[in-house]
Amino acid sequence: MTDELWTEQEVSDRFRIPLGTLRYWRHKRTVLPYRKLGSLVRYDPDEVREAIDAAKVPVGPA
């Protein structure tokens, strides 16, 4: 884990994911790991990148 954690707004801005989508994913507990610190939601940048890399769909010859 890095020393810096991102807010949902930072994740939304960096990856162009709508805030509503991030909130829905949290509600469903899918896609991106996150942390709750009281009422605050934070994302570890390394874990976000890993989750996005893991969601990559391989392409190949049809």
Protein backbone atom coordinates (compact mmCIF):
# COMPACT_ATOMS: atom_id res chain seq x y z
CA MET A 1 0.00 0.00 0.00
CA THR A 2 1.24 3.46 -0.80
CA ASP A 3 1.28 6.29 1.72
CA GLU A 4 -1.26 8.28 -0.30
CA LEU A 5 -4.86 7.19 -0.70
CA TRP A 6 -7.17 8.59 -3.38
CA THR A 7 -10.65 9.98 -2.85
CA GLU A 8 -13.50 8.77 -5.03
CA GLN A 9 -13.30 12.06 -6.92
CA GLU A 10 -9.61 11.47 -7.69
CA VAL A 11 -10.32 7.95 -8.97
CA SER A 12 -13.21 9.30 -11.03
CA ASP A 13 -11.07 12.05 -12.54
CA ARG A 14 -8.01 9.90 -13.24
CA PHE A 15 -9.85 7.02 -14.89
CA ARG A 16 -12.94 8.87 -16.18
CA ILE A 17 -15.27 6.66 -14.20
CA PRO A 18 -18.49 8.43 -13.18
CA LEU A 19 -18.94 8.87 -9.42
CA GLY A 20 -22.26 7.05 -9.64
CA THR A 21 -20.50 4.02 -11.11
CA LEU A 22 -17.91 3.98 -8.31
CA ARG A 23 -20.70 4.20 -5.75
CA TYR A 24 -22.64 1.40 -7.44
CA TRP A 25 -19.54 -0.82 -7.50
CA ARG A 26 -19.02 -0.16 -3.77
CA HIS A 27 -22.65 -0.99 -3.08
CA LYS A 28 -22.22 -4.29 -4.98
CA ARG A 29 -18.70 -4.79 -3.50
CA THR A 30 -17.24 -5.42 -6.94
CA VAL A 31 -14.49 -4.19 -9.28
CA LEU A 32 -12.37 -1.82 -7.12
CA PRO A 33 -11.16 -2.47 -3.58
CA TYR A 34 -11.63 0.46 -1.20
CA ARG A 35 -11.29 1.46 2.44
CA LYS A 36 -13.80 3.05 4.77
CA LEU A 37 -12.34 5.40 7.37
CA GLY A 38 -15.39 6.42 9.33
CA SER A 39 -17.58 8.02 6.68
CA LEU A 40 -14.63 8.58 4.31
CA VAL A 41 -14.04 6.32 1.30
CA ARG A 42 -10.47 5.95 0.08
CA TYR A 43 -8.74 3.94 -2.63
CA ASP A 44 -5.16 2.65 -2.69
CA PRO A 45 -3.66 3.73 -6.04
CA ASP A 46 -1.72 0.46 -6.45
CA GLU A 47 -4.83 -1.64 -5.80
CA VAL A 48 -6.90 0.45 -8.22
CA ARG A 49 -4.31 -0.01 -10.97
CA GLU A 50 -4.11 -3.77 -10.27
CA ALA A 51 -7.91 -4.12 -10.41
CA ILE A 52 -8.07 -2.22 -13.69
CA ASP A 53 -5.25 -4.33 -15.15
CA ALA A 54 -7.02 -7.52 -13.99
CA ALA A 55 -10.18 -6.42 -15.81
CA LYS A 56 -8.36 -6.39 -19.13
CA VAL A 57 -10.11 -8.48 -21.75
CA PRO A 58 -7.63 -10.34 -23.95
CA VAL A 59 -8.09 -10.07 -27.69
CA GLY A 60 -6.85 -12.38 -30.35
CA PRO A 61 -7.63 -13.77 -33.74
CA ALA A 62 -11.32 -14.37 -34.30
